[in-house]
């Protein structure tokens, strides 16, 4: 599931020229807000993304696009 979130963050950022809000991920994955928030925390602890505390839409992908999984 982490890979899907990473790909979503990458694609969303490329398309909209800004990082997604947690609400965008919640709508896309059809999960609860706490589920998305926990995934963001998990990805950040794993060193895959970086967020600026208190700043909206601050998710920054720390993984090279080539390293992202190919979703089918």
C-alpha atoms as a PDB file:
ATOM      1  CA  UNK A   1       0.000   0.000   0.000  1.00  0.00           C
ATOM      2  CA  UNK A   2       2.911   2.366   0.653  1.00  0.00           C
ATOM      3  CA  UNK A   3       3.872   2.161  -3.000  1.00  0.00           C
ATOM      4  CA  UNK A   4       0.404   3.227  -4.084  1.00  0.00           C
ATOM      5  CA  UNK A   5       0.567   6.293  -1.859  1.00  0.00           C
ATOM      6  CA  UNK A   6       4.019   7.192  -3.153  1.00  0.00           C
ATOM      7  CA  UNK A   7       2.883   6.870  -6.771  1.00  0.00           C
ATOM      8  CA  UNK A   8      -0.209   8.949  -6.011  1.00  0.00           C
ATOM      9  CA  UNK A   9       1.878  11.698  -4.396  1.00  0.00           C
ATOM     10  CA  UNK A  10       4.238  11.705  -7.375  1.00  0.00           C
ATOM     11  CA  UNK A  11       1.470  11.749  -9.996  1.00  0.00           C
ATOM     12  CA  UNK A  12      -0.630  14.347  -8.172  1.00  0.00           C
ATOM     13  CA  UNK A  13       2.361  16.635  -7.786  1.00  0.00           C
ATOM     14  CA  UNK A  14       3.269  16.301 -11.468  1.00  0.00           C
ATOM     15  CA  UNK A  15      -0.287  16.994 -12.640  1.00  0.00           C
ATOM     16  CA  UNK A  16      -1.295  19.792 -10.262  1.00  0.00           C
ATOM     17  CA  UNK A  17       2.158  21.312  -9.585  1.00  0.00           C
ATOM     18  CA  UNK A  18       1.586  21.045  -5.835  1.00  0.00           C
ATOM     19  CA  UNK A  19       1.599  18.203  -3.381  1.00  0.00           C
ATOM     20  CA  UNK A  20      -1.668  16.567  -2.385  1.00  0.00           C
ATOM     21  CA  UNK A  21      -3.480  17.322   0.825  1.00  0.00           C
ATOM     22  CA  UNK A  22      -4.370  14.415   3.064  1.00  0.00           C
ATOM     23  CA  UNK A  23      -7.994  15.012   2.036  1.00  0.00           C
ATOM     24  CA  UNK A  24      -7.037  14.383  -1.609  1.00  0.00           C
ATOM     25  CA  UNK A  25      -5.521  11.041  -0.652  1.00  0.00           C
ATOM     26  CA  UNK A  26      -8.536  10.188   1.486  1.00  0.00           C
ATOM     27  CA  UNK A  27     -10.872  10.743  -1.455  1.00  0.00           C
ATOM     28  CA  UNK A  28      -8.662   8.877  -3.903  1.00  0.00           C
ATOM     29  CA  UNK A  29      -8.125   5.800  -1.742  1.00  0.00           C
ATOM     30  CA  UNK A  30     -11.586   5.953  -0.137  1.00  0.00           C
ATOM     31  CA  UNK A  31     -10.215   5.556   3.368  1.00  0.00           C
ATOM     32  CA  UNK A  32     -10.648   7.459   6.607  1.00  0.00           C
ATOM     33  CA  UNK A  33      -8.712  10.583   7.509  1.00  0.00           C
ATOM     34  CA  UNK A  34      -6.884   8.801  10.361  1.00  0.00           C
ATOM     35  CA  UNK A  35      -5.804   6.052   7.928  1.00  0.00           C
ATOM     36  CA  UNK A  36      -4.278   8.584   5.553  1.00  0.00           C
ATOM     37  CA  UNK A  37      -2.604  10.471   8.374  1.00  0.00           C
ATOM     38  CA  UNK A  38      -1.093   7.265   9.735  1.00  0.00           C
ATOM     39  CA  UNK A  39       0.245   6.383   6.279  1.00  0.00           C
ATOM     40  CA  UNK A  40       1.812   9.836   5.946  1.00  0.00           C
ATOM     41  CA  UNK A  41       3.504   9.352   9.317  1.00  0.00           C
ATOM     42  CA  UNK A  42       4.669   5.864   8.291  1.00  0.00           C
ATOM     43  CA  UNK A  43       6.103   7.116   4.988  1.00  0.00           C
ATOM     44  CA  UNK A  44       7.846   9.984   6.728  1.00  0.00           C
ATOM     45  CA  UNK A  45       9.372   7.729   9.399  1.00  0.00           C
ATOM     46  CA  UNK A  46      10.596   5.424   6.621  1.00  0.00           C
ATOM     47  CA  UNK A  47      12.365   8.374   4.979  1.00  0.00           C
ATOM     48  CA  UNK A  48      10.254   8.175   1.822  1.00  0.00           C
ATOM     49  CA  UNK A  49       8.585  11.577   2.170  1.00  0.00           C
ATOM     50  CA  UNK A  50       9.163  14.769   4.100  1.00  0.00           C
ATOM     51  CA  UNK A  51       6.502  17.116   5.489  1.00  0.00           C
ATOM     52  CA  UNK A  52       6.721  20.591   6.976  1.00  0.00           C
ATOM     53  CA  UNK A  53       4.794  20.625  10.269  1.00  0.00           C
ATOM     54  CA  UNK A  54       1.899  23.069  10.239  1.00  0.00           C
ATOM     55  CA  UNK A  55       2.232  23.768   6.518  1.00  0.00           C
ATOM     56  CA  UNK A  56      -0.533  22.604   4.191  1.00  0.00           C
ATOM     57  CA  UNK A  57       0.355  20.604   1.076  1.00  0.00           C
ATOM     58  CA  UNK A  58       3.965  20.265   2.139  1.00  0.00           C
ATOM     59  CA  UNK A  59       4.548  16.596   1.312  1.00  0.00           C
ATOM     60  CA  UNK A  60       7.812  16.204  -0.537  1.00  0.00           C
ATOM     61  CA  UNK A  61       8.734  12.907  -2.151  1.00  0.00           C
ATOM     62  CA  UNK A  62      12.251  11.759  -1.243  1.00  0.00           C
ATOM     63  CA  UNK A  63      12.257   8.799  -3.619  1.00  0.00           C
ATOM     64  CA  UNK A  64      13.470   9.041  -7.196  1.00  0.00           C
ATOM     65  CA  UNK A  65      10.623   8.459  -9.678  1.00  0.00           C
ATOM     66  CA  UNK A  66      12.543   5.547 -11.182  1.00  0.00           C
ATOM     67  CA  UNK A  67      12.370   3.772  -7.816  1.00  0.00           C
ATOM     68  CA  UNK A  68       8.573   3.977  -7.608  1.00  0.00           C
ATOM     69  CA  UNK A  69       6.639   0.787  -8.251  1.00  0.00           C
ATOM     70  CA  UNK A  70       4.834   0.333 -11.541  1.00  0.00           C
ATOM     71  CA  UNK A  71       1.161  -0.084 -10.784  1.00  0.00           C
ATOM     72  CA  UNK A  72      -0.975  -2.209 -13.035  1.00  0.00           C
END
